[in-house]
């Protein structure tokens, strides 16, 4: 059977367009407004927010990408978990999904069936349904979902709202982008890869449920634009400074070694170029740890800004791999110490 990863140049969230290129286009576009559209693409949020005029809002998101693993069923699980995550990152409950599929004519249709089965099982685990979708023939396989969710109007989490005095919680370990790159080069041990796959296939459902009763001031998920990139979005939107303690980061074993050997995804270079004037490093931080901060994550964890007492409560109920990784201060930008 053909290895799915042999058919792609970039994989997972590392396949995202460079943020520098993306925002250079978005900034030229007219913003279409509506009294019911409470947030569109202009806010760099994880999902749009549409007022239903009944005390609820609809959350809508879309995400798809090329495979980062060879097993089609696992790929389907990862892509679905990643797409659904944007609803959890907004404090919403996912309800209905639609498939997005690009599939090469040269592959056996049993591969497509396994990809879709993986997606279905992860959607079922999230407690929602798939109601249809769209497919096209394409030389590069890709899969993902359009996801609709709902939340109470006054209780949506945004990437803005972090306030000085908050602490930052990250609910998953970092390093899957580097681990996936090392695996493609046959320079990754099975244990590290299995940990990365487990992380990517894990829904952020439980993290959302543990955080829902708490005072979450701001939230996002850490995906293709990296920990540094998504932290910068939160800092800029909230008009604060985000300080990350690199010694507190939970990193998948093998990821730092992969970075030392230069096994880093293309998206890391794009992220670093875009963020070079927005992220400051303080102290003696090795290059491989800086690379972790800029590396794309696929189906990464939730990044939550909340009062310290609530953060401690979250850690007590959620447990590993969540960590308190930093704090919010007066100022601007991201500082990694």
C-alpha atoms as a PDB file:
ATOM      1  CA  UNK A   1       0.000   0.000   0.000  1.00  0.00           C
ATOM      2  CA  UNK A   2       1.232   3.501  -0.840  1.00  0.00           C
ATOM      3  CA  UNK A   3       2.407   5.512   2.179  1.00  0.00           C
ATOM      4  CA  UNK A   4       0.164   8.558   2.489  1.00  0.00           C
ATOM      5  CA  UNK A   5       3.013  10.737   3.737  1.00  0.00           C
ATOM      6  CA  UNK A   6       5.032   9.952   0.593  1.00  0.00           C
ATOM      7  CA  UNK A   7       2.392  11.801  -1.446  1.00  0.00           C
ATOM      8  CA  UNK A   8       2.729  15.145   0.321  1.00  0.00           C
ATOM      9  CA  UNK A   9       5.389  17.836   0.676  1.00  0.00           C
ATOM     10  CA  UNK A  10       4.039  19.285   3.928  1.00  0.00           C
ATOM     11  CA  UNK A  11       1.638  17.643   6.338  1.00  0.00           C
ATOM     12  CA  UNK A  12      -0.932  18.446   8.979  1.00  0.00           C
ATOM     13  CA  UNK A  13      -1.109  22.002  10.255  1.00  0.00           C
ATOM     14  CA  UNK A  14       2.445  22.553   8.996  1.00  0.00           C
ATOM     15  CA  UNK A  15       0.853  22.825   5.535  1.00  0.00           C
ATOM     16  CA  UNK A  16      -0.785  26.134   6.413  1.00  0.00           C
ATOM     17  CA  UNK A  17       0.018  29.158   4.290  1.00  0.00           C
ATOM     18  CA  UNK A  18       2.707  31.371   5.811  1.00  0.00           C
ATOM     19  CA  UNK A  19       1.054  33.801   8.275  1.00  0.00           C
ATOM     20  CA  UNK A  20       2.993  36.662   6.680  1.00  0.00           C
ATOM     21  CA  UNK A  21       1.544  35.840   3.251  1.00  0.00           C
ATOM     22  CA  UNK A  22      -1.913  35.085   4.608  1.00  0.00           C
ATOM     23  CA  UNK A  23      -2.336  38.345   6.506  1.00  0.00           C
ATOM     24  CA  UNK A  24      -0.873  40.369   3.631  1.00  0.00           C
ATOM     25  CA  UNK A  25      -3.880  39.201   1.582  1.00  0.00           C
ATOM     26  CA  UNK A  26      -6.513  39.352   4.342  1.00  0.00           C
ATOM     27  CA  UNK A  27      -5.560  42.928   5.163  1.00  0.00           C
ATOM     28  CA  UNK A  28      -6.506  43.996   1.620  1.00  0.00           C
ATOM     29  CA  UNK A  29      -9.994  42.478   1.703  1.00  0.00           C
ATOM     30  CA  UNK A  30     -13.211  44.360   2.411  1.00  0.00           C
ATOM     31  CA  UNK A  31     -14.962  43.333   5.629  1.00  0.00           C
ATOM     32  CA  UNK A  32     -18.572  42.276   5.091  1.00  0.00           C
ATOM     33  CA  UNK A  33     -20.619  43.268   8.108  1.00  0.00           C
ATOM     34  CA  UNK A  34     -23.894  42.103   9.596  1.00  0.00           C
ATOM     35  CA  UNK A  35     -25.602  42.880  12.892  1.00  0.00           C
ATOM     36  CA  UNK A  36     -25.759  39.140  13.501  1.00  0.00           C
ATOM     37  CA  UNK A  37     -22.131  38.375  12.613  1.00  0.00           C
ATOM     38  CA  UNK A  38     -20.451  39.108  15.928  1.00  0.00           C
ATOM     39  CA  UNK A  39     -17.044  37.990  14.709  1.00  0.00           C
ATOM     40  CA  UNK A  40     -15.670  37.067  11.299  1.00  0.00           C
ATOM     41  CA  UNK A  41     -12.150  36.471   9.976  1.00  0.00           C
ATOM     42  CA  UNK A  42     -10.933  39.930  10.954  1.00  0.00           C
ATOM     43  CA  UNK A  43     -10.476  38.973  14.634  1.00  0.00           C
ATOM     44  CA  UNK A  44      -8.160  35.962  14.078  1.00  0.00           C
ATOM     45  CA  UNK A  45     -10.579  33.930  16.203  1.00  0.00           C
ATOM     46  CA  UNK A  46     -10.881  30.167  15.910  1.00  0.00           C
ATOM     47  CA  UNK A  47     -14.468  30.293  14.609  1.00  0.00           C
ATOM     48  CA  UNK A  48     -17.002  32.830  13.387  1.00  0.00           C
ATOM     49  CA  UNK A  49     -19.755  33.869  15.799  1.00  0.00           C
ATOM     50  CA  UNK A  50     -23.303  34.347  14.484  1.00  0.00           C
ATOM     51  CA  UNK A  51     -26.113  35.611  16.716  1.00  0.00           C
ATOM     52  CA  UNK A  52     -29.243  33.409  16.635  1.00  0.00           C
ATOM     53  CA  UNK A  53     -31.339  36.008  18.495  1.00  0.00           C
ATOM     54  CA  UNK A  54     -32.479  33.467  21.076  1.00  0.00           C
ATOM     55  CA  UNK A  55     -29.707  33.793  23.658  1.00  0.00           C
ATOM     56  CA  UNK A  56     -27.417  31.489  21.701  1.00  0.00           C
ATOM     57  CA  UNK A  57     -24.743  31.971  19.068  1.00  0.00           C
ATOM     58  CA  UNK A  58     -23.696  29.653  16.253  1.00  0.00           C
ATOM     59  CA  UNK A  59     -19.991  28.915  15.916  1.00  0.00           C
ATOM     60  CA  UNK A  60     -18.687  27.902  12.487  1.00  0.00           C
ATOM     61  CA  UNK A  61     -15.204  26.708  11.521  1.00  0.00           C
ATOM     62  CA  UNK A  62     -13.450  24.756   8.770  1.00  0.00           C
ATOM     63  CA  UNK A  63     -10.114  22.940   8.703  1.00  0.00           C
ATOM     64  CA  UNK A  64      -8.478  20.327   6.480  1.00  0.00           C
ATOM     65  CA  UNK A  65      -4.938  19.286   5.599  1.00  0.00           C
ATOM     66  CA  UNK A  66      -2.680  16.613   4.022  1.00  0.00           C
ATOM     67  CA  UNK A  67      -1.758  13.481   6.016  1.00  0.00           C
ATOM     68  CA  UNK A  68       0.980  13.383   8.631  1.00  0.00           C
ATOM     69  CA  UNK A  69       0.630   9.624   9.227  1.00  0.00           C
ATOM     70  CA  UNK A  70       0.457   6.697   6.821  1.00  0.00           C
ATOM     71  CA  UNK A  71      -2.478   4.879   8.383  1.00  0.00           C
ATOM     72  CA  UNK A  72      -5.639   6.291   6.731  1.00  0.00           C
ATOM     73  CA  UNK A  73      -7.959   5.585   9.684  1.00  0.00           C
ATOM     74  CA  UNK A  74      -5.611   7.407  12.076  1.00  0.00           C
ATOM     75  CA  UNK A  75      -5.313  10.298   9.632  1.00  0.00           C
ATOM     76  CA  UNK A  76      -9.096  10.611   9.587  1.00  0.00           C
ATOM     77  CA  UNK A  77      -9.178  10.707  13.389  1.00  0.00           C
ATOM     78  CA  UNK A  78      -6.503  13.393  13.606  1.00  0.00           C
ATOM     79  CA  UNK A  79      -8.067  15.625  10.956  1.00  0.00           C
ATOM     80  CA  UNK A  80     -11.473  15.422  12.625  1.00  0.00           C
ATOM     81  CA  UNK A  81     -10.106  16.090  16.115  1.00  0.00           C
ATOM     82  CA  UNK A  82      -8.188  19.076  14.794  1.00  0.00           C
ATOM     83  CA  UNK A  83     -11.215  20.616  13.061  1.00  0.00           C
ATOM     84  CA  UNK A  84     -13.568  20.103  16.009  1.00  0.00           C
ATOM     85  CA  UNK A  85     -11.011  21.679  18.349  1.00  0.00           C
ATOM     86  CA  UNK A  86     -11.819  25.193  17.104  1.00  0.00           C
ATOM     87  CA  UNK A  87     -15.332  24.906  18.542  1.00  0.00           C
ATOM     88  CA  UNK A  88     -13.999  23.790  21.928  1.00  0.00           C
ATOM     89  CA  UNK A  89     -11.489  26.670  21.825  1.00  0.00           C
ATOM     90  CA  UNK A  90     -14.430  29.085  21.605  1.00  0.00           C
ATOM     91  CA  UNK A  91     -16.176  27.514  24.599  1.00  0.00           C
ATOM     92  CA  UNK A  92     -18.811  25.920  22.369  1.00  0.00           C
ATOM     93  CA  UNK A  93     -20.374  22.502  21.931  1.00  0.00           C
ATOM     94  CA  UNK A  94     -19.946  20.956  18.459  1.00  0.00           C
ATOM     95  CA  UNK A  95     -23.170  19.749  16.840  1.00  0.00           C
ATOM     96  CA  UNK A  96     -22.900  18.958  13.127  1.00  0.00           C
ATOM     97  CA  UNK A  97     -20.055  18.458  10.642  1.00  0.00           C
ATOM     98  CA  UNK A  98     -19.520  18.160   6.894  1.00  0.00           C
ATOM     99  CA  UNK A  99     -16.653  16.273   5.274  1.00  0.00           C
ATOM    100  CA  UNK A 100     -14.068  17.948   3.037  1.00  0.00           C
ATOM    101  CA  UNK A 101     -12.122  15.455   0.921  1.00  0.00           C
ATOM    102  CA  UNK A 102      -9.417  15.693  -1.734  1.00  0.00           C
ATOM    103  CA  UNK A 103      -8.503  12.229  -2.989  1.00  0.00           C
ATOM    104  CA  UNK A 104      -6.093  10.973  -5.694  1.00  0.00           C
ATOM    105  CA  UNK A 105      -7.447   8.775  -8.472  1.00  0.00           C
ATOM    106  CA  UNK A 106      -4.396   6.504  -8.093  1.00  0.00           C
ATOM    107  CA  UNK A 107      -5.334   5.346  -4.587  1.00  0.00           C
ATOM    108  CA  UNK A 108      -7.661   2.460  -3.826  1.00  0.00           C
ATOM    109  CA  UNK A 109     -11.053   3.598  -2.573  1.00  0.00           C
ATOM    110  CA  UNK A 110     -10.577   1.439   0.530  1.00  0.00           C
ATOM    111  CA  UNK A 111      -8.103   4.117   1.676  1.00  0.00           C
ATOM    112  CA  UNK A 112     -10.785   6.788   1.386  1.00  0.00           C
ATOM    113  CA  UNK A 113     -13.206   4.566   3.273  1.00  0.00           C
ATOM    114  CA  UNK A 114     -10.759   4.204   6.174  1.00  0.00           C
ATOM    115  CA  UNK A 115     -10.083   7.966   6.304  1.00  0.00           C
ATOM    116  CA  UNK A 116     -13.809   8.669   6.517  1.00  0.00           C
ATOM    117  CA  UNK A 117     -14.344   5.956   9.129  1.00  0.00           C
ATOM    118  CA  UNK A 118     -11.653   7.548  11.285  1.00  0.00           C
ATOM    119  CA  UNK A 119     -13.405  10.886  10.981  1.00  0.00           C
ATOM    120  CA  UNK A 120     -16.796   9.382  11.789  1.00  0.00           C
ATOM    121  CA  UNK A 121     -15.529   7.687  14.944  1.00  0.00           C
ATOM    122  CA  UNK A 122     -13.943  10.893  16.254  1.00  0.00           C
ATOM    123  CA  UNK A 123     -17.078  12.913  15.425  1.00  0.00           C
ATOM    124  CA  UNK A 124     -19.175  10.319  17.254  1.00  0.00           C
ATOM    125  CA  UNK A 125     -16.853  10.604  20.273  1.00  0.00           C
ATOM    126  CA  UNK A 126     -17.406  14.379  20.245  1.00  0.00           C
ATOM    127  CA  UNK A 127     -21.151  13.795  20.420  1.00  0.00           C
ATOM    128  CA  UNK A 128     -22.002  15.306  17.048  1.00  0.00           C
ATOM    129  CA  UNK A 129     -22.909  14.043  13.575  1.00  0.00           C
ATOM    130  CA  UNK A 130     -21.725  14.264   9.967  1.00  0.00           C
ATOM    131  CA  UNK A 131     -24.438  15.483   7.621  1.00  0.00           C
ATOM    132  CA  UNK A 132     -22.702  15.347   4.223  1.00  0.00           C
ATOM    133  CA  UNK A 133     -19.712  16.973   2.572  1.00  0.00           C
ATOM    134  CA  UNK A 134     -17.813  17.574  -0.638  1.00  0.00           C
ATOM    135  CA  UNK A 135     -15.128  15.636  -2.537  1.00  0.00           C
ATOM    136  CA  UNK A 136     -12.806  16.474  -5.412  1.00  0.00           C
ATOM    137  CA  UNK A 137     -10.144  14.502  -7.256  1.00  0.00           C
ATOM    138  CA  UNK A 138      -6.706  15.824  -6.339  1.00  0.00           C
ATOM    139  CA  UNK A 139      -3.153  14.419  -6.575  1.00  0.00           C
ATOM    140  CA  UNK A 140      -2.553  15.263  -2.903  1.00  0.00           C
ATOM    141  CA  UNK A 141      -4.854  13.582  -0.358  1.00  0.00           C
ATOM    142  CA  UNK A 142      -6.467  15.980   2.131  1.00  0.00           C
ATOM    143  CA  UNK A 143      -9.228  15.592   4.682  1.00  0.00           C
ATOM    144  CA  UNK A 144     -11.021  17.724   7.233  1.00  0.00           C
ATOM    145  CA  UNK A 145     -14.352  19.048   8.401  1.00  0.00           C
ATOM    146  CA  UNK A 146     -16.587  22.065   8.411  1.00  0.00           C
ATOM    147  CA  UNK A 147     -17.968  22.149  11.966  1.00  0.00           C
ATOM    148  CA  UNK A 148     -20.951  23.967  13.444  1.00  0.00           C
ATOM    149  CA  UNK A 149     -21.354  24.390  17.186  1.00  0.00           C
ATOM    150  CA  UNK A 150     -23.372  26.448  19.644  1.00  0.00           C
ATOM    151  CA  UNK A 151     -22.797  28.411  22.844  1.00  0.00           C
ATOM    152  CA  UNK A 152     -24.593  30.795  25.138  1.00  0.00           C
ATOM    153  CA  UNK A 153     -24.218  34.319  23.776  1.00  0.00           C
ATOM    154  CA  UNK A 154     -22.489  35.791  26.815  1.00  0.00           C
ATOM    155  CA  UNK A 155     -20.227  32.839  27.493  1.00  0.00           C
ATOM    156  CA  UNK A 156     -18.191  32.511  24.286  1.00  0.00           C
ATOM    157  CA  UNK A 157     -14.435  32.319  24.801  1.00  0.00           C
ATOM    158  CA  UNK A 158     -12.418  34.701  22.623  1.00  0.00           C
ATOM    159  CA  UNK A 159      -8.703  35.007  22.003  1.00  0.00           C
ATOM    160  CA  UNK A 160      -9.007  38.496  23.461  1.00  0.00           C
ATOM    161  CA  UNK A 161      -9.836  39.185  27.080  1.00  0.00           C
ATOM    162  CA  UNK A 162      -6.642  38.053  28.833  1.00  0.00           C
ATOM    163  CA  UNK A 163      -5.876  40.448  31.712  1.00  0.00           C
ATOM    164  CA  UNK A 164      -2.686  41.147  33.708  1.00  0.00           C
ATOM    165  CA  UNK A 165      -2.524  38.749  36.626  1.00  0.00           C
ATOM    166  CA  UNK A 166      -3.901  35.806  34.653  1.00  0.00           C
ATOM    167  CA  UNK A 167      -1.869  32.651  34.252  1.00  0.00           C
ATOM    168  CA  UNK A 168      -1.675  30.546  31.108  1.00  0.00           C
ATOM    169  CA  UNK A 169      -2.538  26.860  30.891  1.00  0.00           C
ATOM    170  CA  UNK A 170      -1.654  24.639  27.914  1.00  0.00           C
ATOM    171  CA  UNK A 171      -3.497  21.325  27.854  1.00  0.00           C
ATOM    172  CA  UNK A 172      -1.296  19.222  25.533  1.00  0.00           C
ATOM    173  CA  UNK A 173       2.405  18.577  25.130  1.00  0.00           C
ATOM    174  CA  UNK A 174       4.315  20.273  22.302  1.00  0.00           C
ATOM    175  CA  UNK A 175       6.465  18.842  19.526  1.00  0.00           C
ATOM    176  CA  UNK A 176       4.193  16.846  17.212  1.00  0.00           C
ATOM    177  CA  UNK A 177       5.301  18.800  14.121  1.00  0.00           C
ATOM    178  CA  UNK A 178       8.946  17.943  14.748  1.00  0.00           C
ATOM    179  CA  UNK A 179       8.117  14.321  15.633  1.00  0.00           C
ATOM    180  CA  UNK A 180       6.149  13.931  12.384  1.00  0.00           C
ATOM    181  CA  UNK A 181       9.058  15.364  10.391  1.00  0.00           C
ATOM    182  CA  UNK A 182      11.494  13.010  12.110  1.00  0.00           C
ATOM    183  CA  UNK A 183       9.198  10.060  11.388  1.00  0.00           C
ATOM    184  CA  UNK A 184       9.173  10.855   7.661  1.00  0.00           C
ATOM    185  CA  UNK A 185      12.982  10.780   7.774  1.00  0.00           C
ATOM    186  CA  UNK A 186      12.957   7.434   9.661  1.00  0.00           C
ATOM    187  CA  UNK A 187      14.709   9.175  12.572  1.00  0.00           C
ATOM    188  CA  UNK A 188      12.012   8.842  15.223  1.00  0.00           C
ATOM    189  CA  UNK A 189      11.558   6.010  17.727  1.00  0.00           C
ATOM    190  CA  UNK A 190       8.207   4.257  17.981  1.00  0.00           C
ATOM    191  CA  UNK A 191       7.490   5.480  21.517  1.00  0.00           C
ATOM    192  CA  UNK A 192       7.815   9.166  20.606  1.00  0.00           C
ATOM    193  CA  UNK A 193       5.678   8.727  17.493  1.00  0.00           C
ATOM    194  CA  UNK A 194       2.993   6.840  19.402  1.00  0.00           C
ATOM    195  CA  UNK A 195       2.845   9.652  21.980  1.00  0.00           C
ATOM    196  CA  UNK A 196       2.504  12.204  19.184  1.00  0.00           C
ATOM    197  CA  UNK A 197      -0.305  10.209  17.544  1.00  0.00           C
ATOM    198  CA  UNK A 198      -2.104   9.823  20.880  1.00  0.00           C
ATOM    199  CA  UNK A 199      -1.917  13.592  21.383  1.00  0.00           C
ATOM    200  CA  UNK A 200      -3.167  14.367  17.866  1.00  0.00           C
ATOM    201  CA  UNK A 201      -6.093  11.942  18.080  1.00  0.00           C
ATOM    202  CA  UNK A 202      -7.219  13.197  21.504  1.00  0.00           C
ATOM    203  CA  UNK A 203     -10.181  15.537  21.397  1.00  0.00           C
ATOM    204  CA  UNK A 204     -10.048  18.765  23.394  1.00  0.00           C
ATOM    205  CA  UNK A 205     -13.494  17.817  24.683  1.00  0.00           C
ATOM    206  CA  UNK A 206     -12.413  17.016  28.241  1.00  0.00           C
ATOM    207  CA  UNK A 207     -10.290  20.172  28.459  1.00  0.00           C
ATOM    208  CA  UNK A 208     -13.314  22.211  27.377  1.00  0.00           C
ATOM    209  CA  UNK A 209     -15.541  20.450  29.915  1.00  0.00           C
ATOM    210  CA  UNK A 210     -13.072  20.981  32.787  1.00  0.00           C
ATOM    211  CA  UNK A 211     -12.654  24.676  31.909  1.00  0.00           C
ATOM    212  CA  UNK A 212     -16.337  25.452  31.286  1.00  0.00           C
ATOM    213  CA  UNK A 213     -17.275  26.106  34.955  1.00  0.00           C
ATOM    214  CA  UNK A 214     -14.189  28.315  35.459  1.00  0.00           C
ATOM    215  CA  UNK A 215     -13.506  31.996  34.778  1.00  0.00           C
ATOM    216  CA  UNK A 216     -11.800  31.740  31.377  1.00  0.00           C
ATOM    217  CA  UNK A 217     -10.811  35.224  30.231  1.00  0.00           C
ATOM    218  CA  UNK A 218      -9.338  34.201  26.860  1.00  0.00           C
ATOM    219  CA  UNK A 219      -8.762  30.981  24.948  1.00  0.00           C
ATOM    220  CA  UNK A 220      -7.458  29.561  21.687  1.00  0.00           C
ATOM    221  CA  UNK A 221      -5.926  26.314  20.506  1.00  0.00           C
ATOM    222  CA  UNK A 222      -2.287  25.854  19.535  1.00  0.00           C
ATOM    223  CA  UNK A 223      -2.057  24.586  15.954  1.00  0.00           C
ATOM    224  CA  UNK A 224      -0.229  25.565  12.780  1.00  0.00           C
ATOM    225  CA  UNK A 225       0.919  29.035  13.835  1.00  0.00           C
ATOM    226  CA  UNK A 226       2.754  27.536  16.859  1.00  0.00           C
ATOM    227  CA  UNK A 227       2.711  28.287  20.575  1.00  0.00           C
ATOM    228  CA  UNK A 228       4.495  31.580  19.941  1.00  0.00           C
ATOM    229  CA  UNK A 229       2.133  32.534  17.118  1.00  0.00           C
ATOM    230  CA  UNK A 230      -1.134  31.777  18.881  1.00  0.00           C
ATOM    231  CA  UNK A 231       0.172  33.402  22.078  1.00  0.00           C
ATOM    232  CA  UNK A 232       0.943  36.490  20.018  1.00  0.00           C
ATOM    233  CA  UNK A 233      -2.624  36.541  18.661  1.00  0.00           C
ATOM    234  CA  UNK A 234      -3.920  36.435  22.237  1.00  0.00           C
ATOM    235  CA  UNK A 235      -1.505  39.148  23.382  1.00  0.00           C
ATOM    236  CA  UNK A 236      -2.297  41.454  20.453  1.00  0.00           C
ATOM    237  CA  UNK A 237      -6.073  40.973  20.717  1.00  0.00           C
ATOM    238  CA  UNK A 238      -6.034  41.482  24.484  1.00  0.00           C
ATOM    239  CA  UNK A 239      -3.521  44.378  24.391  1.00  0.00           C
ATOM    240  CA  UNK A 240      -1.295  42.668  26.969  1.00  0.00           C
ATOM    241  CA  UNK A 241       2.077  40.947  27.178  1.00  0.00           C
ATOM    242  CA  UNK A 242       2.200  37.155  27.345  1.00  0.00           C
ATOM    243  CA  UNK A 243       5.183  35.741  29.238  1.00  0.00           C
ATOM    244  CA  UNK A 244       5.962  32.052  28.680  1.00  0.00           C
ATOM    245  CA  UNK A 245       8.338  30.152  30.968  1.00  0.00           C
ATOM    246  CA  UNK A 246      10.136  27.737  28.652  1.00  0.00           C
ATOM    247  CA  UNK A 247      11.161  25.539  31.599  1.00  0.00           C
ATOM    248  CA  UNK A 248       7.475  24.777  32.245  1.00  0.00           C
ATOM    249  CA  UNK A 249       6.672  23.503  28.744  1.00  0.00           C
ATOM    250  CA  UNK A 250       5.546  19.906  28.403  1.00  0.00           C
ATOM    251  CA  UNK A 251       7.445  18.503  25.409  1.00  0.00           C
ATOM    252  CA  UNK A 252       6.996  15.095  23.794  1.00  0.00           C
ATOM    253  CA  UNK A 253      10.155  12.986  24.294  1.00  0.00           C
ATOM    254  CA  UNK A 254      12.264  13.029  21.156  1.00  0.00           C
ATOM    255  CA  UNK A 255      11.075  16.417  19.899  1.00  0.00           C
ATOM    256  CA  UNK A 256      14.041  18.367  21.271  1.00  0.00           C
ATOM    257  CA  UNK A 257      16.452  15.806  19.774  1.00  0.00           C
ATOM    258  CA  UNK A 258      14.655  16.101  16.449  1.00  0.00           C
ATOM    259  CA  UNK A 259      15.034  19.872  16.520  1.00  0.00           C
ATOM    260  CA  UNK A 260      18.749  19.545  17.359  1.00  0.00           C
ATOM    261  CA  UNK A 261      19.176  17.368  14.252  1.00  0.00           C
ATOM    262  CA  UNK A 262      17.353  19.949  12.111  1.00  0.00           C
ATOM    263  CA  UNK A 263      14.262  17.774  11.594  1.00  0.00           C
ATOM    264  CA  UNK A 264      11.889  20.706  11.606  1.00  0.00           C
ATOM    265  CA  UNK A 265       8.812  21.351   9.428  1.00  0.00           C
ATOM    266  CA  UNK A 266       8.738  24.057   6.783  1.00  0.00           C
ATOM    267  CA  UNK A 267       6.009  25.900   8.667  1.00  0.00           C
ATOM    268  CA  UNK A 268       8.455  26.583  11.505  1.00  0.00           C
ATOM    269  CA  UNK A 269      10.520  28.865   9.263  1.00  0.00           C
ATOM    270  CA  UNK A 270       7.392  30.722   8.163  1.00  0.00           C
ATOM    271  CA  UNK A 271       6.272  31.217  11.755  1.00  0.00           C
ATOM    272  CA  UNK A 272       9.686  32.416  12.905  1.00  0.00           C
ATOM    273  CA  UNK A 273       9.952  34.917  10.041  1.00  0.00           C
ATOM    274  CA  UNK A 274       6.512  36.369  10.764  1.00  0.00           C
ATOM    275  CA  UNK A 275       7.060  36.558  14.532  1.00  0.00           C
ATOM    276  CA  UNK A 276      10.668  37.766  14.676  1.00  0.00           C
ATOM    277  CA  UNK A 277       9.669  41.309  15.725  1.00  0.00           C
ATOM    278  CA  UNK A 278       6.819  40.151  17.973  1.00  0.00           C
ATOM    279  CA  UNK A 279       8.491  37.508  20.170  1.00  0.00           C
ATOM    280  CA  UNK A 280      11.416  38.197  22.517  1.00  0.00           C
ATOM    281  CA  UNK A 281      13.589  35.546  24.148  1.00  0.00           C
ATOM    282  CA  UNK A 282      15.199  36.322  27.535  1.00  0.00           C
ATOM    283  CA  UNK A 283      17.966  34.287  29.118  1.00  0.00           C
ATOM    284  CA  UNK A 284      19.940  31.299  27.919  1.00  0.00           C
ATOM    285  CA  UNK A 285      17.392  29.404  25.827  1.00  0.00           C
ATOM    286  CA  UNK A 286      18.848  26.784  23.445  1.00  0.00           C
ATOM    287  CA  UNK A 287      17.947  26.946  19.763  1.00  0.00           C
ATOM    288  CA  UNK A 288      16.058  23.647  19.846  1.00  0.00           C
ATOM    289  CA  UNK A 289      13.735  24.993  22.567  1.00  0.00           C
ATOM    290  CA  UNK A 290      13.141  28.153  20.537  1.00  0.00           C
ATOM    291  CA  UNK A 291      12.288  25.893  17.603  1.00  0.00           C
ATOM    292  CA  UNK A 292       9.676  24.108  19.725  1.00  0.00           C
ATOM    293  CA  UNK A 293       8.009  27.469  20.404  1.00  0.00           C
ATOM    294  CA  UNK A 294       7.814  28.274  16.666  1.00  0.00           C
ATOM    295  CA  UNK A 295       6.952  24.787  15.434  1.00  0.00           C
ATOM    296  CA  UNK A 296       3.486  24.034  13.973  1.00  0.00           C
ATOM    297  CA  UNK A 297       1.319  21.782  16.109  1.00  0.00           C
ATOM    298  CA  UNK A 298      -1.349  19.531  14.643  1.00  0.00           C
ATOM    299  CA  UNK A 299      -4.481  19.031  16.768  1.00  0.00           C
ATOM    300  CA  UNK A 300      -2.753  20.830  19.631  1.00  0.00           C
ATOM    301  CA  UNK A 301      -4.055  21.700  23.066  1.00  0.00           C
ATOM    302  CA  UNK A 302      -6.146  24.578  24.378  1.00  0.00           C
ATOM    303  CA  UNK A 303      -4.305  27.676  25.600  1.00  0.00           C
ATOM    304  CA  UNK A 304      -6.331  29.218  28.419  1.00  0.00           C
ATOM    305  CA  UNK A 305      -5.873  32.563  30.198  1.00  0.00           C
ATOM    306  CA  UNK A 306      -7.559  32.550  33.577  1.00  0.00           C
ATOM    307  CA  UNK A 307      -7.085  33.581  37.253  1.00  0.00           C
ATOM    308  CA  UNK A 308      -4.487  31.533  39.103  1.00  0.00           C
ATOM    309  CA  UNK A 309      -7.023  29.911  41.448  1.00  0.00           C
ATOM    310  CA  UNK A 310      -9.032  28.711  38.442  1.00  0.00           C
ATOM    311  CA  UNK A 311      -5.873  27.526  36.702  1.00  0.00           C
ATOM    312  CA  UNK A 312      -4.930  25.460  39.741  1.00  0.00           C
ATOM    313  CA  UNK A 313      -8.464  24.062  39.865  1.00  0.00           C
ATOM    314  CA  UNK A 314      -8.216  23.110  36.192  1.00  0.00           C
ATOM    315  CA  UNK A 315      -4.865  21.367  36.671  1.00  0.00           C
ATOM    316  CA  UNK A 316      -6.247  19.433  39.648  1.00  0.00           C
ATOM    317  CA  UNK A 317      -9.251  18.154  37.700  1.00  0.00           C
ATOM    318  CA  UNK A 318      -7.626  17.666  34.283  1.00  0.00           C
ATOM    319  CA  UNK A 319      -4.152  16.438  35.259  1.00  0.00           C
ATOM    320  CA  UNK A 320      -1.393  15.640  32.768  1.00  0.00           C
ATOM    321  CA  UNK A 321      -0.397  16.661  30.173  1.00  0.00           C
ATOM    322  CA  UNK A 322      -1.761  20.127  31.095  1.00  0.00           C
ATOM    323  CA  UNK A 323       0.710  22.607  32.581  1.00  0.00           C
ATOM    324  CA  UNK A 324       0.727  26.209  33.776  1.00  0.00           C
ATOM    325  CA  UNK A 325       3.249  27.658  31.318  1.00  0.00           C
ATOM    326  CA  UNK A 326       3.199  31.408  31.847  1.00  0.00           C
ATOM    327  CA  UNK A 327       1.433  34.577  32.858  1.00  0.00           C
ATOM    328  CA  UNK A 328      -0.138  37.744  31.513  1.00  0.00           C
ATOM    329  CA  UNK A 329       1.385  41.160  32.231  1.00  0.00           C
ATOM    330  CA  UNK A 330       0.978  44.785  31.257  1.00  0.00           C
ATOM    331  CA  UNK A 331       2.657  45.546  27.937  1.00  0.00           C
ATOM    332  CA  UNK A 332       2.610  43.968  24.498  1.00  0.00           C
ATOM    333  CA  UNK A 333       3.996  41.070  22.508  1.00  0.00           C
ATOM    334  CA  UNK A 334       5.313  37.704  23.699  1.00  0.00           C
ATOM    335  CA  UNK A 335       8.292  37.188  25.961  1.00  0.00           C
ATOM    336  CA  UNK A 336       9.751  33.710  26.384  1.00  0.00           C
ATOM    337  CA  UNK A 337      12.009  33.326  29.411  1.00  0.00           C
END
